[in-house]
Amino acid sequence: MATAEVAPDSQRAWWLRALLVLQAPRPVFVALRDESPEAADARSEPATALVFLAGIGAVLLAPAFGHLFDDYALDSLDVLVIVVFAGSLYGFFSYWILGWTLSLGVRTVGGEAPARRCRHVLAFAVAPLVLSLLAVWPLRLALYGSDVFRYGGSDAGTGGQILRWLSVAFAAWSFVLLVYGIRTVQRCGWLRALGATGFAIGLVGLVLALWAFLPAGK
């Protein structure tokens, strides 16, 4: 049996929407209401790329990654491999787990949203994290080099702190986009969208906290 092919124009439109979501998010999230197999296939590659790059941007925000050269005998290539590997894993698991908990969160506040749609909303909502990775991090590396992975390096001053908090601001932007995306796709109010998003993130955080505090087996 022949399989339907995704039109190149349709794929190109979703690559453009990966950029458009930073400037005009509403039409992007409105387009995500289309759950036809053709539309889902057309946006799968842009969504995967966004999640992969955003995962790298997210792990670089973790304090532990700011001390890699202090804690381990690593060179620059080792750090690159670790960051890319950890970021890809983080992006993959966040995509699937948060997508499922977002769907559960929407149902909790009285809505209905398939997990795949929630995953795609999440993927396009993390575009600011990708922008942070591609814009802020090259600047930090150009100014401070490997000191960004050392405690108390040359980036410990005001300039370095400003750039670090700028990355955090991009992460906050992603959170706002996620709430806005749920609100737009689900046609619900701000409180319901915030409740669904908070439920999803809180549930994941609770599971991780319980796992972290479980006693290690002897």
N, C-alpha and C. Protein backbone atom coordinates (compact mmCIF):
# COMPACT_ATOMS: atom_id res chain seq x y z
N MET A 1 0.85 -1.20 0.00
CA MET A 1 0.00 0.00 0.00
C MET A 1 0.88 1.24 0.00
N ALA A 2 0.59 2.19 -0.86
CA ALA A 2 1.41 3.39 -0.97
C ALA A 2 1.19 4.28 0.25
N THR A 3 2.25 4.95 0.66
CA THR A 3 2.17 5.88 1.80
C THR A 3 2.15 7.31 1.29
N ALA A 4 1.41 8.16 1.99
CA ALA A 4 1.31 9.56 1.58
C ALA A 4 2.61 10.28 1.88
N GLU A 5 3.04 11.11 0.94
CA GLU A 5 4.26 11.88 1.12
C GLU A 5 3.90 13.29 1.59
N VAL A 6 4.78 13.82 2.43
CA VAL A 6 4.58 15.18 2.93
C VAL A 6 5.04 16.17 1.87
N ALA A 7 4.19 17.14 1.55
CA ALA A 7 4.54 18.14 0.54
C ALA A 7 5.71 18.99 1.03
N PRO A 8 6.72 19.21 0.17
CA PRO A 8 7.86 20.05 0.58
C PRO A 8 7.43 21.44 1.03
N ASP A 9 6.42 22.03 0.37
CA ASP A 9 5.95 23.35 0.76
C ASP A 9 5.41 23.35 2.18
N SER A 10 4.74 22.25 2.55
CA SER A 10 4.20 22.15 3.90
C SER A 10 5.31 22.06 4.92
N GLN A 11 6.35 21.28 4.64
CA GLN A 11 7.49 21.20 5.54
C GLN A 11 8.18 22.55 5.65
N ARG A 12 8.34 23.22 4.53
CA ARG A 12 9.00 24.53 4.54
C ARG A 12 8.21 25.52 5.40
N ALA A 13 6.90 25.44 5.33
CA ALA A 13 6.07 26.34 6.13
C ALA A 13 6.31 26.14 7.62
N TRP A 14 6.50 24.89 8.03
CA TRP A 14 6.72 24.64 9.45
C TRP A 14 8.13 25.03 9.88
N TRP A 15 9.10 24.94 9.00
CA TRP A 15 10.44 25.46 9.34
C TRP A 15 10.38 26.97 9.53
N LEU A 16 9.60 27.64 8.68
CA LEU A 16 9.44 29.09 8.83
C LEU A 16 8.70 29.43 10.12
N ARG A 17 7.73 28.60 10.49
CA ARG A 17 7.00 28.84 11.73
C ARG A 17 7.89 28.67 12.96
N ALA A 18 8.93 27.84 12.84
CA ALA A 18 9.87 27.70 13.95
C ALA A 18 10.56 29.02 14.25
N LEU A 19 10.69 29.87 13.25
CA LEU A 19 11.24 31.22 13.44
C LEU A 19 10.13 32.21 13.79
N LEU A 20 8.99 32.06 13.13
CA LEU A 20 7.88 32.99 13.32
C LEU A 20 7.35 32.98 14.75
N VAL A 21 7.44 31.84 15.43
CA VAL A 21 6.89 31.73 16.78
C VAL A 21 7.56 32.71 17.75
N LEU A 22 8.76 33.15 17.42
CA LEU A 22 9.46 34.12 18.27
C LEU A 22 8.88 35.52 18.13
N GLN A 23 8.27 35.80 16.99
CA GLN A 23 7.77 37.15 16.70
C GLN A 23 6.25 37.22 16.75
N ALA A 24 5.60 36.23 16.17
CA ALA A 24 4.13 36.22 16.09
C ALA A 24 3.64 34.81 16.41
N PRO A 25 3.57 34.47 17.69
CA PRO A 25 3.28 33.08 18.07
C PRO A 25 1.85 32.63 17.78
N ARG A 26 0.90 33.53 17.77
CA ARG A 26 -0.49 33.10 17.65
C ARG A 26 -0.77 32.28 16.39
N PRO A 27 -0.41 32.74 15.18
CA PRO A 27 -0.71 31.92 14.00
C PRO A 27 0.00 30.57 14.02
N VAL A 28 1.14 30.49 14.67
CA VAL A 28 1.85 29.21 14.76
C VAL A 28 1.05 28.24 15.61
N PHE A 29 0.60 28.69 16.78
CA PHE A 29 -0.15 27.80 17.66
C PHE A 29 -1.54 27.50 17.11
N VAL A 30 -2.13 28.44 16.39
CA VAL A 30 -3.41 28.16 15.74
C VAL A 30 -3.23 27.04 14.71
N ALA A 31 -2.13 27.08 13.97
CA ALA A 31 -1.86 26.03 12.98
C ALA A 31 -1.68 24.67 13.62
N LEU A 32 -1.26 24.64 14.89
CA LEU A 32 -1.07 23.36 15.59
C LEU A 32 -2.39 22.68 15.91
N ARG A 33 -3.50 23.37 15.73
CA ARG A 33 -4.80 22.72 15.93
C ARG A 33 -5.07 21.66 14.87
N ASP A 34 -4.41 21.77 13.73
CA ASP A 34 -4.56 20.79 12.65
C ASP A 34 -3.83 19.51 13.04
N GLU A 35 -4.57 18.46 13.34
CA GLU A 35 -3.98 17.20 13.77
C GLU A 35 -4.02 16.13 12.69
N SER A 36 -4.20 16.55 11.45
CA SER A 36 -4.20 15.57 10.37
C SER A 36 -2.82 14.91 10.26
N PRO A 37 -2.75 13.68 9.79
CA PRO A 37 -1.45 13.01 9.66
C PRO A 37 -0.46 13.80 8.80
N GLU A 38 -0.97 14.47 7.75
CA GLU A 38 -0.08 15.24 6.88
C GLU A 38 0.54 16.41 7.64
N ALA A 39 -0.28 17.13 8.42
CA ALA A 39 0.24 18.27 9.17
C ALA A 39 1.21 17.82 10.25
N ALA A 40 0.88 16.73 10.94
CA ALA A 40 1.76 16.23 12.00
C ALA A 40 3.10 15.79 11.43
N ASP A 41 3.07 15.13 10.27
CA ASP A 41 4.33 14.70 9.64
C ASP A 41 5.15 15.90 9.18
N ALA A 42 4.47 16.92 8.66
CA ALA A 42 5.19 18.09 8.14
C ALA A 42 5.93 18.84 9.23
N ARG A 43 5.40 18.85 10.45
CA ARG A 43 6.06 19.61 11.52
C ARG A 43 6.94 18.74 12.41
N SER A 44 7.04 17.46 12.12
CA SER A 44 7.82 16.57 13.00
C SER A 44 9.31 16.89 12.97
N GLU A 45 9.87 17.18 11.79
CA GLU A 45 11.30 17.48 11.72
C GLU A 45 11.65 18.81 12.40
N PRO A 46 10.91 19.91 12.13
CA PRO A 46 11.20 21.14 12.87
C PRO A 46 11.04 20.96 14.38
N ALA A 47 10.03 20.22 14.80
CA ALA A 47 9.82 19.99 16.23
C ALA A 47 11.00 19.24 16.84
N THR A 48 11.49 18.23 16.13
CA THR A 48 12.63 17.46 16.63
C THR A 48 13.87 18.33 16.76
N ALA A 49 14.11 19.16 15.75
CA ALA A 49 15.28 20.05 15.79
C ALA A 49 15.18 21.04 16.94
N LEU A 50 14.00 21.61 17.15
CA LEU A 50 13.80 22.56 18.24
C LEU A 50 14.05 21.91 19.59
N VAL A 51 13.52 20.71 19.77
CA VAL A 51 13.66 20.01 21.05
C VAL A 51 15.12 19.65 21.30
N PHE A 52 15.82 19.21 20.28
CA PHE A 52 17.23 18.84 20.43
C PHE A 52 18.07 20.04 20.85
N LEU A 53 17.92 21.15 20.14
CA LEU A 53 18.72 22.34 20.46
C LEU A 53 18.30 22.96 21.79
N ALA A 54 17.00 22.95 22.06
CA ALA A 54 16.53 23.51 23.34
C ALA A 54 17.02 22.67 24.51
N GLY A 55 17.13 21.36 24.32
CA GLY A 55 17.67 20.51 25.38
C GLY A 55 19.10 20.89 25.73
N ILE A 56 19.90 21.19 24.72
CA ILE A 56 21.27 21.64 24.96
C ILE A 56 21.26 22.97 25.70
N GLY A 57 20.42 23.89 25.24
CA GLY A 57 20.33 25.18 25.91
C GLY A 57 19.88 25.06 27.36
N ALA A 58 18.99 24.09 27.63
CA ALA A 58 18.48 23.92 28.99
C ALA A 58 19.54 23.35 29.92
N VAL A 59 20.29 22.34 29.47
CA VAL A 59 21.29 21.75 30.37
C VAL A 59 22.42 22.74 30.65
N LEU A 60 22.69 23.63 29.73
CA LEU A 60 23.73 24.63 29.97
C LEU A 60 23.33 25.62 31.06
N LEU A 61 22.04 25.68 31.38
CA LEU A 61 21.59 26.53 32.48
C LEU A 61 21.83 25.89 33.85
N ALA A 62 22.03 24.57 33.86
CA ALA A 62 22.24 23.87 35.13
C ALA A 62 23.57 24.29 35.76
N PRO A 63 23.59 24.60 37.06
CA PRO A 63 24.83 25.03 37.71
C PRO A 63 25.97 24.03 37.57
N ALA A 64 25.65 22.73 37.54
CA ALA A 64 26.70 21.72 37.45
C ALA A 64 27.52 21.87 36.18
N PHE A 65 26.91 22.35 35.10
CA PHE A 65 27.64 22.49 33.85
C PHE A 65 28.54 23.72 33.85
N GLY A 66 28.38 24.58 34.83
CA GLY A 66 29.28 25.72 34.96
C GLY A 66 30.57 25.40 35.68
N HIS A 67 30.72 24.14 36.13
CA HIS A 67 31.91 23.73 36.89
C HIS A 67 32.60 22.53 36.26
N LEU A 68 32.31 22.22 35.02
CA LEU A 68 32.84 21.00 34.42
C LEU A 68 34.36 20.95 34.45
N PHE A 69 35.01 22.08 34.18
CA PHE A 69 36.47 22.08 34.17
C PHE A 69 37.05 22.03 35.59
N ASP A 70 36.23 22.35 36.59
CA ASP A 70 36.70 22.28 37.98
C ASP A 70 36.61 20.87 38.54
N ASP A 71 35.56 20.16 38.16
CA ASP A 71 35.28 18.88 38.79
C ASP A 71 35.91 17.69 38.08
N TYR A 72 36.24 17.85 36.82
CA TYR A 72 36.73 16.70 36.05
C TYR A 72 37.92 17.12 35.18
N ALA A 73 38.75 16.13 34.87
CA ALA A 73 39.89 16.38 33.98
C ALA A 73 39.39 16.26 32.54
N LEU A 74 38.89 17.36 32.01
CA LEU A 74 38.28 17.35 30.69
C LEU A 74 38.94 18.39 29.80
N ASP A 75 38.88 18.14 28.49
CA ASP A 75 39.28 19.18 27.54
C ASP A 75 38.02 19.70 26.85
N SER A 76 38.20 20.64 25.94
CA SER A 76 37.06 21.30 25.30
C SER A 76 36.20 20.32 24.51
N LEU A 77 36.84 19.35 23.84
CA LEU A 77 36.07 18.37 23.07
C LEU A 77 35.22 17.51 24.00
N ASP A 78 35.79 17.13 25.15
CA ASP A 78 35.02 16.34 26.12
C ASP A 78 33.77 17.10 26.57
N VAL A 79 33.95 18.39 26.86
CA VAL A 79 32.82 19.21 27.31
C VAL A 79 31.76 19.30 26.22
N LEU A 80 32.18 19.47 24.98
CA LEU A 80 31.24 19.55 23.87
C LEU A 80 30.43 18.26 23.77
N VAL A 81 31.11 17.12 23.85
CA VAL A 81 30.42 15.84 23.75
C VAL A 81 29.44 15.66 24.90
N ILE A 82 29.87 16.00 26.11
CA ILE A 82 29.01 15.85 27.29
C ILE A 82 27.77 16.73 27.16
N VAL A 83 27.97 17.98 26.76
CA VAL A 83 26.85 18.91 26.66
C VAL A 83 25.86 18.46 25.59
N VAL A 84 26.36 18.05 24.43
CA VAL A 84 25.46 17.62 23.35
C VAL A 84 24.73 16.34 23.75
N PHE A 85 25.44 15.39 24.35
CA PHE A 85 24.82 14.13 24.75
C PHE A 85 23.77 14.36 25.83
N ALA A 86 24.15 15.11 26.87
CA ALA A 86 23.20 15.38 27.96
C ALA A 86 22.01 16.20 27.46
N GLY A 87 22.27 17.17 26.59
CA GLY A 87 21.19 17.99 26.07
C GLY A 87 20.21 17.21 25.21
N SER A 88 20.73 16.30 24.39
CA SER A 88 19.85 15.50 23.55
C SER A 88 18.99 14.56 24.39
N LEU A 89 19.59 13.96 25.44
CA LEU A 89 18.80 13.11 26.33
C LEU A 89 17.73 13.92 27.07
N TYR A 90 18.14 15.07 27.57
CA TYR A 90 17.19 15.92 28.30
C TYR A 90 16.05 16.36 27.40
N GLY A 91 16.39 16.78 26.18
CA GLY A 91 15.36 17.20 25.24
C GLY A 91 14.41 16.07 24.90
N PHE A 92 14.96 14.87 24.66
CA PHE A 92 14.14 13.71 24.28
C PHE A 92 13.14 13.36 25.39
N PHE A 93 13.66 13.21 26.60
CA PHE A 93 12.78 12.79 27.70
C PHE A 93 11.80 13.90 28.08
N SER A 94 12.24 15.15 28.03
CA SER A 94 11.32 16.25 28.33
C SER A 94 10.20 16.31 27.31
N TYR A 95 10.53 16.07 26.05
CA TYR A 95 9.55 16.11 24.97
C TYR A 95 8.44 15.10 25.21
N TRP A 96 8.83 13.88 25.54
CA TRP A 96 7.84 12.83 25.71
C TRP A 96 7.13 12.90 27.05
N ILE A 97 7.89 13.11 28.13
CA ILE A 97 7.27 13.12 29.46
C ILE A 97 6.42 14.36 29.67
N LEU A 98 6.97 15.54 29.34
CA LEU A 98 6.19 16.76 29.50
C LEU A 98 5.00 16.80 28.54
N GLY A 99 5.17 16.22 27.36
CA GLY A 99 4.04 16.15 26.43
C GLY A 99 2.88 15.37 27.03
N TRP A 100 3.22 14.26 27.69
CA TRP A 100 2.18 13.44 28.31
C TRP A 100 1.56 14.15 29.51
N THR A 101 2.39 14.75 30.37
CA THR A 101 1.85 15.43 31.55
C THR A 101 1.07 16.69 31.16
N LEU A 102 1.45 17.35 30.07
CA LEU A 102 0.66 18.48 29.59
C LEU A 102 -0.73 18.03 29.16
N SER A 103 -0.79 16.90 28.47
CA SER A 103 -2.08 16.35 28.06
C SER A 103 -2.93 16.02 29.29
N LEU A 104 -2.29 15.44 30.29
CA LEU A 104 -2.99 15.12 31.54
C LEU A 104 -3.43 16.40 32.25
N GLY A 105 -2.56 17.42 32.22
CA GLY A 105 -2.91 18.69 32.85
C GLY A 105 -4.10 19.36 32.19
N VAL A 106 -4.15 19.31 30.87
CA VAL A 106 -5.29 19.89 30.15
C VAL A 106 -6.58 19.17 30.53
N ARG A 107 -6.52 17.85 30.62
CA ARG A 107 -7.71 17.09 31.02
C ARG A 107 -8.11 17.41 32.46
N THR A 108 -7.11 17.66 33.30
CA THR A 108 -7.39 17.97 34.71
C THR A 108 -8.19 19.26 34.86
N VAL A 109 -7.93 20.23 33.98
CA VAL A 109 -8.65 21.51 34.07
C VAL A 109 -9.89 21.53 33.18
N GLY A 110 -10.29 20.36 32.69
CA GLY A 110 -11.55 20.27 31.97
C GLY A 110 -11.46 20.31 30.47
N GLY A 111 -10.26 20.20 29.91
CA GLY A 111 -10.10 20.22 28.46
C GLY A 111 -9.80 18.84 27.90
N GLU A 112 -9.42 18.81 26.66
CA GLU A 112 -9.07 17.56 25.99
C GLU A 112 -7.98 17.86 24.98
N ALA A 113 -6.83 17.20 25.13
CA ALA A 113 -5.71 17.45 24.22
C ALA A 113 -4.89 16.18 24.05
N PRO A 114 -4.77 15.67 22.84
CA PRO A 114 -3.91 14.51 22.62
C PRO A 114 -2.46 14.83 22.99
N ALA A 115 -1.75 13.81 23.42
CA ALA A 115 -0.36 14.01 23.84
C ALA A 115 0.50 14.52 22.69
N ARG A 116 0.23 14.07 21.46
CA ARG A 116 1.04 14.51 20.33
C ARG A 116 0.90 16.01 20.11
N ARG A 117 -0.31 16.52 20.21
CA ARG A 117 -0.50 17.96 20.05
C ARG A 117 0.24 18.72 21.14
N CYS A 118 0.18 18.23 22.37
CA CYS A 118 0.88 18.89 23.47
C CYS A 118 2.39 18.85 23.27
N ARG A 119 2.90 17.75 22.74
CA ARG A 119 4.34 17.67 22.46
C ARG A 119 4.74 18.71 21.43
N HIS A 120 3.92 18.89 20.41
CA HIS A 120 4.26 19.87 19.37
C HIS A 120 4.14 21.30 19.90
N VAL A 121 3.16 21.56 20.76
CA VAL A 121 3.09 22.88 21.40
C VAL A 121 4.36 23.13 22.21
N LEU A 122 4.78 22.13 22.97
CA LEU A 122 6.00 22.25 23.76
C LEU A 122 7.21 22.52 22.87
N ALA A 123 7.31 21.80 21.75
CA ALA A 123 8.47 21.94 20.86
C ALA A 123 8.59 23.37 20.33
N PHE A 124 7.49 23.95 19.90
CA PHE A 124 7.56 25.31 19.35
C PHE A 124 7.67 26.36 20.45
N ALA A 125 7.21 26.02 21.66
CA ALA A 125 7.32 26.97 22.77
C ALA A 125 8.75 27.13 23.26
N VAL A 126 9.60 26.13 23.04
CA VAL A 126 10.99 26.22 23.53
C VAL A 126 11.91 26.90 22.52
N ALA A 127 11.35 27.49 21.48
CA ALA A 127 12.18 28.21 20.50
C ALA A 127 13.06 29.29 21.14
N PRO A 128 12.60 30.02 22.18
CA PRO A 128 13.50 30.99 22.81
C PRO A 128 14.76 30.36 23.41
N LEU A 129 14.66 29.15 23.92
CA LEU A 129 15.85 28.46 24.43
C LEU A 129 16.84 28.19 23.30
N VAL A 130 16.31 27.87 22.13
CA VAL A 130 17.18 27.67 20.96
C VAL A 130 17.85 28.99 20.59
N LEU A 131 17.09 30.07 20.62
CA LEU A 131 17.67 31.39 20.32
C LEU A 131 18.76 31.74 21.33
N SER A 132 18.54 31.40 22.59
CA SER A 132 19.57 31.64 23.61
C SER A 132 20.84 30.86 23.30
N LEU A 133 20.67 29.61 22.90
CA LEU A 133 21.84 28.78 22.57
C LEU A 133 22.62 29.35 21.40
N LEU A 134 21.91 29.87 20.39
CA LEU A 134 22.55 30.33 19.17
C LEU A 134 23.02 31.78 19.24
N ALA A 135 22.49 32.56 20.19
CA ALA A 135 22.84 33.98 20.26
C ALA A 135 23.64 34.33 21.51
N VAL A 136 23.17 33.90 22.67
CA VAL A 136 23.83 34.28 23.92
C VAL A 136 25.10 33.47 24.17
N TRP A 137 25.02 32.17 23.94
CA TRP A 137 26.18 31.33 24.26
C TRP A 137 27.40 31.60 23.39
N PRO A 138 27.26 31.83 22.08
CA PRO A 138 28.45 32.22 21.31
C PRO A 138 29.09 33.50 21.84
N LEU A 139 28.27 34.44 22.31
CA LEU A 139 28.81 35.68 22.88
C LEU A 139 29.56 35.40 24.18
N ARG A 140 28.98 34.55 25.03
CA ARG A 140 29.65 34.21 26.29
C ARG A 140 30.99 33.51 26.04
N LEU A 141 31.00 32.60 25.08
CA LEU A 141 32.24 31.88 24.77
C LEU A 141 33.27 32.81 24.15
N ALA A 142 32.82 33.75 23.31
CA ALA A 142 33.75 34.69 22.69
C ALA A 142 34.38 35.61 23.73
N LEU A 143 33.60 36.00 24.73
CA LEU A 143 34.10 36.94 25.74
C LEU A 143 34.91 36.25 26.84
N TYR A 144 34.47 35.05 27.24
CA TYR A 144 35.07 34.44 28.43
C TYR A 144 35.71 33.08 28.18
N GLY A 145 35.54 32.52 26.99
CA GLY A 145 36.17 31.25 26.66
C GLY A 145 35.76 30.14 27.62
N SER A 146 36.72 29.31 27.99
CA SER A 146 36.44 28.15 28.84
C SER A 146 36.09 28.53 30.27
N ASP A 147 36.24 29.80 30.64
CA ASP A 147 35.90 30.22 32.00
C ASP A 147 34.41 30.08 32.29
N VAL A 148 33.59 29.99 31.25
CA VAL A 148 32.15 29.80 31.50
C VAL A 148 31.88 28.43 32.11
N PHE A 149 32.86 27.53 32.03
CA PHE A 149 32.72 26.21 32.63
C PHE A 149 33.62 26.06 33.86
N ARG A 150 34.01 27.20 34.45
CA ARG A 150 34.83 27.17 35.67
C ARG A 150 34.17 28.05 36.73
N TYR A 151 34.31 27.63 37.98
CA TYR A 151 33.78 28.42 39.08
C TYR A 151 34.70 29.61 39.34
N GLY A 152 34.11 30.81 39.43
CA GLY A 152 34.89 31.99 39.73
C GLY A 152 35.81 32.42 38.62
N GLY A 153 35.48 32.10 37.36
CA GLY A 153 36.30 32.51 36.23
C GLY A 153 36.08 33.97 35.88
N SER A 154 36.57 34.34 34.71
CA SER A 154 36.47 35.74 34.30
C SER A 154 35.04 36.17 34.03
N ASP A 155 34.12 35.21 33.94
CA ASP A 155 32.71 35.55 33.72
C ASP A 155 31.96 35.78 35.02
N ALA A 156 32.68 35.80 36.14
CA ALA A 156 32.02 35.98 37.44
C ALA A 156 31.63 37.43 37.71
N GLY A 157 32.10 38.35 36.88
CA GLY A 157 31.78 39.76 37.07
C GLY A 157 30.40 40.14 36.57
N THR A 158 30.17 41.44 36.51
CA THR A 158 28.84 41.95 36.15
C THR A 158 28.43 41.53 34.74
N GLY A 159 29.35 41.63 33.78
CA GLY A 159 29.03 41.27 32.41
C GLY A 159 28.62 39.82 32.28
N GLY A 160 29.37 38.93 32.92
CA GLY A 160 29.04 37.52 32.87
C GLY A 160 27.71 37.21 33.52
N GLN A 161 27.43 37.89 34.64
CA GLN A 161 26.15 37.68 35.32
C GLN A 161 24.98 38.17 34.48
N ILE A 162 25.18 39.27 33.78
CA ILE A 162 24.11 39.78 32.91
C ILE A 162 23.79 38.77 31.81
N LEU A 163 24.82 38.21 31.20
CA LEU A 163 24.59 37.23 30.14
C LEU A 163 23.97 35.95 30.69
N ARG A 164 24.37 35.57 31.90
CA ARG A 164 23.79 34.38 32.51
C ARG A 164 22.30 34.58 32.78
N TRP A 165 21.96 35.73 33.33
CA TRP A 165 20.55 36.01 33.60
C TRP A 165 19.76 36.24 32.32
N LEU A 166 20.44 36.66 31.27
CA LEU A 166 19.77 36.78 29.98
C LEU A 166 19.33 35.41 29.49
N SER A 167 20.18 34.40 29.69
CA SER A 167 19.80 33.03 29.33
C SER A 167 18.60 32.57 30.14
N VAL A 168 18.58 32.92 31.42
CA VAL A 168 17.43 32.57 32.26
C VAL A 168 16.16 33.26 31.75
N ALA A 169 16.30 34.50 31.29
CA ALA A 169 15.15 35.23 30.75
C ALA A 169 14.59 34.53 29.52
N PHE A 170 15.46 33.97 28.69
CA PHE A 170 15.00 33.22 27.52
C PHE A 170 14.22 31.98 27.96
N ALA A 171 14.66 31.33 29.03
CA ALA A 171 13.93 30.17 29.55
C ALA A 171 12.55 30.59 30.06
N ALA A 172 12.48 31.74 30.73
CA ALA A 172 11.19 32.25 31.19
C ALA A 172 10.28 32.58 30.01
N TRP A 173 10.87 33.11 28.96
CA TRP A 173 10.11 33.39 27.73
C TRP A 173 9.49 32.10 27.19
N SER A 174 10.25 31.02 27.22
CA SER A 174 9.73 29.73 26.76
C SER A 174 8.54 29.28 27.61
N PHE A 175 8.63 29.49 28.92
CA PHE A 175 7.51 29.12 29.79
C PHE A 175 6.26 29.92 29.43
N VAL A 176 6.43 31.22 29.22
CA VAL A 176 5.29 32.06 28.85
C VAL A 176 4.70 31.61 27.51
N LEU A 177 5.57 31.28 26.56
CA LEU A 177 5.09 30.79 25.26
C LEU A 177 4.34 29.48 25.41
N LEU A 178 4.79 28.62 26.32
CA LEU A 178 4.10 27.35 26.53
C LEU A 178 2.69 27.58 27.07
N VAL A 179 2.56 28.45 28.05
CA VAL A 179 1.23 28.78 28.58
C VAL A 179 0.36 29.40 27.48
N TYR A 180 0.95 30.31 26.71
CA TYR A 180 0.20 30.95 25.63
C TYR A 180 -0.19 29.93 24.56
N GLY A 181 0.71 29.00 24.27
CA GLY A 181 0.42 27.99 23.28
C GLY A 181 -0.73 27.09 23.70
N ILE A 182 -0.72 26.65 24.96
CA ILE A 182 -1.82 25.83 25.47
C ILE A 182 -3.13 26.61 25.41
N ARG A 183 -3.08 27.87 25.80
CA ARG A 183 -4.28 28.72 25.77
C ARG A 183 -4.82 28.85 24.36
N THR A 184 -3.93 29.06 23.39
CA THR A 184 -4.36 29.27 22.01
C THR A 184 -4.89 27.99 21.38
N VAL A 185 -4.16 26.91 21.53
CA VAL A 185 -4.57 25.65 20.92
C VAL A 185 -5.86 25.12 21.53
N GLN A 186 -5.98 25.27 22.84
CA GLN A 186 -7.16 24.74 23.54
C GLN A 186 -8.34 25.70 23.58
N ARG A 187 -8.10 26.95 23.14
CA ARG A 187 -9.17 27.97 23.19
C ARG A 187 -9.73 28.12 24.61
N CYS A 188 -8.81 28.23 25.56
CA CYS A 188 -9.24 28.35 26.96
C CYS A 188 -8.70 29.65 27.55
N GLY A 189 -9.04 29.93 28.80
CA GLY A 189 -8.57 31.14 29.45
C GLY A 189 -7.15 31.00 29.98
N TRP A 190 -6.61 32.13 30.43
CA TRP A 190 -5.25 32.14 30.95
C TRP A 190 -5.11 31.26 32.19
N LEU A 191 -6.09 31.30 33.08
CA LEU A 191 -5.98 30.53 34.32
C LEU A 191 -5.95 29.03 34.04
N ARG A 192 -6.78 28.57 33.12
CA ARG A 192 -6.78 27.14 32.78
C ARG A 192 -5.46 26.75 32.11
N ALA A 193 -4.98 27.60 31.22
CA ALA A 193 -3.71 27.29 30.55
C ALA A 193 -2.57 27.26 31.55
N LEU A 194 -2.55 28.23 32.46
CA LEU A 194 -1.51 28.26 33.48
C LEU A 194 -1.64 27.07 34.42
N GLY A 195 -2.88 26.71 34.76
CA GLY A 195 -3.09 25.55 35.62
C GLY A 195 -2.62 24.26 34.98
N ALA A 196 -2.93 24.07 33.69
CA ALA A 196 -2.50 22.86 32.99
C ALA A 196 -0.99 22.79 32.90
N THR A 197 -0.35 23.92 32.58
CA THR A 197 1.10 23.95 32.46
C THR A 197 1.76 23.74 33.82
N GLY A 198 1.24 24.42 34.84
CA GLY A 198 1.79 24.25 36.18
C GLY A 198 1.63 22.84 36.69
N PHE A 199 0.49 22.22 36.40
CA PHE A 199 0.27 20.83 36.80
C PHE A 199 1.29 19.92 36.15
N ALA A 200 1.52 20.11 34.84
CA ALA A 200 2.45 19.25 34.11
C ALA A 200 3.87 19.37 34.65
N ILE A 201 4.34 20.61 34.81
CA ILE A 201 5.70 20.81 35.30
C ILE A 201 5.82 20.38 36.76
N GLY A 202 4.79 20.67 37.56
CA GLY A 202 4.82 20.26 38.96
C GLY A 202 4.83 18.76 39.13
N LEU A 203 4.07 18.05 38.29
CA LEU A 203 4.04 16.59 38.38
C LEU A 203 5.40 15.99 38.05
N VAL A 204 6.03 16.51 37.00
CA VAL A 204 7.37 16.03 36.64
C VAL A 204 8.35 16.35 37.77
N GLY A 205 8.27 17.57 38.31
CA GLY A 205 9.16 17.94 39.41
C GLY A 205 8.97 17.07 40.63
N LEU A 206 7.71 16.72 40.95
CA LEU A 206 7.43 15.87 42.10
C LEU A 206 8.02 14.48 41.91
N VAL A 207 7.86 13.92 40.73
CA VAL A 207 8.42 12.59 40.45
C VAL A 207 9.94 12.62 40.57
N LEU A 208 10.57 13.65 40.02
CA LEU A 208 12.03 13.76 40.10
C LEU A 208 12.49 13.94 41.55
N ALA A 209 11.73 14.72 42.33
CA ALA A 209 12.10 14.92 43.73
C ALA A 209 11.98 13.63 44.52
N LEU A 210 10.91 12.88 44.30
CA LEU A 210 10.74 11.61 44.99
C LEU A 210 11.84 10.64 44.61
N TRP A 211 12.19 10.63 43.33
CA TRP A 211 13.26 9.74 42.87
C TRP A 211 14.60 10.12 43.50
N ALA A 212 14.85 11.43 43.61
CA ALA A 212 16.13 11.89 44.16
C ALA A 212 16.27 11.55 45.64
N PHE A 213 15.15 11.51 46.35
CA PHE A 213 15.21 11.27 47.79
C PHE A 213 14.96 9.82 48.17
N LEU A 214 14.76 8.96 47.18
CA LEU A 214 14.61 7.55 47.49
C LEU A 214 15.91 7.01 48.07
N PRO A 215 15.86 6.19 49.11
CA PRO A 215 17.09 5.63 49.66
C PRO A 215 17.75 4.70 48.67
N ALA A 216 19.04 4.82 48.54
CA ALA A 216 19.78 3.96 47.62
C ALA A 216 19.75 2.53 48.11
N GLY A 217 19.58 1.62 47.18
CA GLY A 217 19.58 0.21 47.54
C GLY A 217 20.95 -0.26 48.00
N LYS A 218 20.94 -1.17 48.97
CA LYS A 218 22.21 -1.66 49.50
C LYS A 218 22.73 -2.81 48.65
